[in-house]
Amino acid sequence: MSIIGYYDGTAVRVEESLRINQKVIVIPIEDEMEFGESATGGLRKYANQALIEQEKDVWRKTAVRKHGGK
């Protein structure tokens, strides 16, 4: 889930309701145009293409290794 909000100089204000004491991660963005409508857009610049290729089948390979293809 990602929620868009803004900092009003005192607090971070979000456009959707959250639970009381809900923990959140705030990722400040410099230019709203590069962010888009999801957190993925804001994090894209940190992506490492080499690791993405290595991680492509990691869940499947780990499940086969752990469960022996059962």
N, C-alpha and C. Protein backbone atom coordinates (compact mmCIF):
# COMPACT_ATOMS: atom_id res chain seq x y z
N MET A 1 0.85 -1.17 0.00
CA MET A 1 0.00 0.00 0.00
C MET A 1 0.89 1.23 0.00
N SER A 2 0.55 2.21 -0.76
CA SER A 2 1.24 3.49 -0.70
C SER A 2 0.20 4.60 -0.60
N ILE A 3 0.52 5.60 0.18
CA ILE A 3 -0.38 6.73 0.40
C ILE A 3 0.40 8.00 0.10
N ILE A 4 -0.20 8.90 -0.63
CA ILE A 4 0.44 10.16 -0.97
C ILE A 4 0.02 11.22 0.04
N GLY A 5 0.94 12.05 0.43
CA GLY A 5 0.64 13.12 1.37
C GLY A 5 1.59 14.28 1.17
N TYR A 6 1.63 15.17 2.13
CA TYR A 6 2.50 16.35 2.05
C TYR A 6 2.90 16.79 3.45
N TYR A 7 3.95 17.54 3.54
CA TYR A 7 4.43 18.11 4.81
C TYR A 7 3.96 19.55 4.86
N ASP A 8 3.22 19.94 5.89
CA ASP A 8 2.66 21.28 5.96
C ASP A 8 3.51 22.24 6.80
N GLY A 9 4.72 21.84 7.13
CA GLY A 9 5.60 22.68 7.95
C GLY A 9 5.60 22.26 9.41
N THR A 10 4.59 21.49 9.79
CA THR A 10 4.48 21.01 11.17
C THR A 10 4.37 19.49 11.23
N ALA A 11 3.57 18.93 10.33
CA ALA A 11 3.32 17.49 10.34
C ALA A 11 3.13 17.00 8.91
N VAL A 12 3.26 15.68 8.75
CA VAL A 12 2.99 15.06 7.46
C VAL A 12 1.49 14.76 7.41
N ARG A 13 0.83 15.23 6.38
CA ARG A 13 -0.61 15.03 6.20
C ARG A 13 -0.82 14.06 5.05
N VAL A 14 -1.66 13.05 5.28
CA VAL A 14 -1.93 12.05 4.23
C VAL A 14 -3.37 12.17 3.78
N GLU A 15 -3.64 11.66 2.58
CA GLU A 15 -4.96 11.79 1.97
C GLU A 15 -5.91 10.68 2.37
N GLU A 16 -5.43 9.65 3.08
CA GLU A 16 -6.27 8.54 3.50
C GLU A 16 -6.12 8.34 5.00
N SER A 17 -7.11 7.71 5.61
CA SER A 17 -7.07 7.45 7.05
C SER A 17 -6.11 6.31 7.36
N LEU A 18 -5.45 6.41 8.50
CA LEU A 18 -4.57 5.35 9.00
C LEU A 18 -5.05 4.96 10.39
N ARG A 19 -4.65 3.77 10.84
CA ARG A 19 -4.96 3.37 12.21
C ARG A 19 -4.17 4.22 13.19
N ILE A 20 -4.66 4.37 14.40
CA ILE A 20 -3.92 5.04 15.46
C ILE A 20 -2.63 4.25 15.69
N ASN A 21 -1.51 4.95 15.84
CA ASN A 21 -0.19 4.35 16.05
C ASN A 21 0.31 3.53 14.87
N GLN A 22 -0.28 3.72 13.69
CA GLN A 22 0.19 3.03 12.49
C GLN A 22 1.60 3.48 12.16
N LYS A 23 2.52 2.55 12.01
CA LYS A 23 3.88 2.90 11.62
C LYS A 23 3.90 3.19 10.12
N VAL A 24 4.68 4.18 9.73
CA VAL A 24 4.77 4.56 8.32
C VAL A 24 6.22 4.80 7.94
N ILE A 25 6.50 4.72 6.67
CA ILE A 25 7.80 5.08 6.12
C ILE A 25 7.55 6.29 5.22
N VAL A 26 8.28 7.35 5.46
CA VAL A 26 8.12 8.56 4.67
C VAL A 26 9.32 8.70 3.75
N ILE A 27 9.08 8.85 2.46
CA ILE A 27 10.14 9.02 1.47
C ILE A 27 9.95 10.39 0.84
N PRO A 28 10.77 11.37 1.26
CA PRO A 28 10.62 12.70 0.65
C PRO A 28 11.04 12.66 -0.82
N ILE A 29 10.31 13.39 -1.64
CA ILE A 29 10.65 13.47 -3.06
C ILE A 29 10.89 14.92 -3.42
N GLU A 30 11.86 15.13 -4.27
CA GLU A 30 12.22 16.48 -4.67
C GLU A 30 11.31 17.01 -5.75
N ASP A 31 10.99 16.15 -6.72
CA ASP A 31 10.21 16.56 -7.88
C ASP A 31 9.05 15.61 -8.04
N GLU A 32 7.85 16.10 -7.86
CA GLU A 32 6.68 15.24 -7.92
C GLU A 32 6.52 14.57 -9.28
N MET A 33 7.04 15.16 -10.33
CA MET A 33 6.92 14.57 -11.66
C MET A 33 7.64 13.23 -11.75
N GLU A 34 8.76 13.06 -11.03
CA GLU A 34 9.49 11.79 -11.11
C GLU A 34 8.87 10.72 -10.23
N PHE A 35 7.97 11.10 -9.33
CA PHE A 35 7.40 10.15 -8.38
C PHE A 35 6.25 9.35 -8.96
N GLY A 36 5.38 9.96 -9.69
CA GLY A 36 4.23 9.25 -10.22
C GLY A 36 3.20 9.04 -9.12
N GLU A 37 2.44 7.97 -9.21
CA GLU A 37 1.36 7.72 -8.26
C GLU A 37 1.67 6.58 -7.29
N SER A 38 2.87 6.03 -7.30
CA SER A 38 3.17 4.93 -6.40
C SER A 38 4.58 5.05 -5.83
N ALA A 39 4.84 4.31 -4.78
CA ALA A 39 6.17 4.32 -4.19
C ALA A 39 7.21 3.76 -5.16
N THR A 40 6.79 2.86 -6.02
CA THR A 40 7.71 2.28 -6.99
C THR A 40 8.39 3.36 -7.82
N GLY A 41 7.64 4.34 -8.25
CA GLY A 41 8.20 5.44 -9.04
C GLY A 41 9.26 6.19 -8.28
N GLY A 42 9.05 6.40 -6.99
CA GLY A 42 10.01 7.12 -6.17
C GLY A 42 11.26 6.32 -5.88
N LEU A 43 11.16 5.01 -5.91
CA LEU A 43 12.30 4.14 -5.60
C LEU A 43 13.03 3.63 -6.83
N ARG A 44 12.47 3.87 -8.01
CA ARG A 44 13.05 3.34 -9.25
C ARG A 44 14.52 3.74 -9.43
N LYS A 45 14.87 4.95 -9.01
CA LYS A 45 16.25 5.41 -9.22
C LYS A 45 17.26 4.61 -8.40
N TYR A 46 16.80 3.86 -7.38
CA TYR A 46 17.70 3.05 -6.56
C TYR A 46 17.80 1.60 -7.04
N ALA A 47 17.06 1.25 -8.07
CA ALA A 47 17.05 -0.13 -8.57
C ALA A 47 18.41 -0.49 -9.17
N ASN A 48 18.83 -1.71 -8.90
CA ASN A 48 20.08 -2.24 -9.44
C ASN A 48 19.70 -3.35 -10.42
N GLN A 49 19.81 -3.10 -11.69
CA GLN A 49 19.36 -4.04 -12.72
C GLN A 49 20.03 -5.40 -12.59
N ALA A 50 21.31 -5.45 -12.20
CA ALA A 50 22.01 -6.73 -12.05
C ALA A 50 21.36 -7.56 -10.95
N LEU A 51 20.97 -6.93 -9.86
CA LEU A 51 20.34 -7.66 -8.77
C LEU A 51 18.92 -8.10 -9.14
N ILE A 52 18.23 -7.29 -9.91
CA ILE A 52 16.88 -7.66 -10.34
C ILE A 52 16.94 -8.96 -11.13
N GLU A 53 17.91 -9.10 -12.01
CA GLU A 53 18.05 -10.33 -12.79
C GLU A 53 18.37 -11.52 -11.88
N GLN A 54 19.22 -11.32 -10.87
CA GLN A 54 19.57 -12.41 -9.95
C GLN A 54 18.38 -12.82 -9.10
N GLU A 55 17.52 -11.86 -8.75
CA GLU A 55 16.39 -12.12 -7.87
C GLU A 55 15.16 -12.64 -8.60
N LYS A 56 15.22 -12.69 -9.91
CA LYS A 56 14.06 -13.02 -10.74
C LYS A 56 13.39 -14.32 -10.29
N ASP A 57 14.12 -15.39 -10.12
CA ASP A 57 13.57 -16.69 -9.77
C ASP A 57 13.94 -17.14 -8.36
N VAL A 58 14.36 -16.23 -7.51
CA VAL A 58 14.87 -16.63 -6.20
C VAL A 58 13.80 -17.30 -5.33
N TRP A 59 12.55 -16.83 -5.38
CA TRP A 59 11.51 -17.45 -4.56
C TRP A 59 11.28 -18.89 -5.00
N ARG A 60 11.16 -19.11 -6.31
CA ARG A 60 10.93 -20.45 -6.83
C ARG A 60 12.09 -21.37 -6.49
N LYS A 61 13.32 -20.91 -6.72
CA LYS A 61 14.51 -21.74 -6.43
C LYS A 61 14.60 -22.07 -4.95
N THR A 62 14.30 -21.14 -4.09
CA THR A 62 14.36 -21.37 -2.66
C THR A 62 13.30 -22.38 -2.23
N ALA A 63 12.09 -22.26 -2.78
CA ALA A 63 11.02 -23.21 -2.46
C ALA A 63 11.39 -24.62 -2.90
N VAL A 64 11.99 -24.76 -4.08
CA VAL A 64 12.40 -26.08 -4.57
C VAL A 64 13.50 -26.63 -3.67
N ARG A 65 14.48 -25.80 -3.32
CA ARG A 65 15.57 -26.24 -2.45
C ARG A 65 15.03 -26.67 -1.08
N LYS A 66 14.11 -25.88 -0.52
CA LYS A 66 13.59 -26.18 0.82
C LYS A 66 12.68 -27.40 0.83
N HIS A 67 11.83 -27.52 -0.18
CA HIS A 67 10.83 -28.58 -0.17
C HIS A 67 11.15 -29.72 -1.12
N GLY A 68 12.27 -29.65 -1.80
CA GLY A 68 12.71 -30.73 -2.67
C GLY A 68 11.79 -31.01 -3.84
N GLY A 69 11.10 -30.01 -4.32
CA GLY A 69 10.22 -30.20 -5.48
C GLY A 69 8.97 -30.99 -5.17
N LYS A 70 8.62 -31.11 -3.88
CA LYS A 70 7.44 -31.89 -3.47
C LYS A 70 6.17 -31.12 -3.75
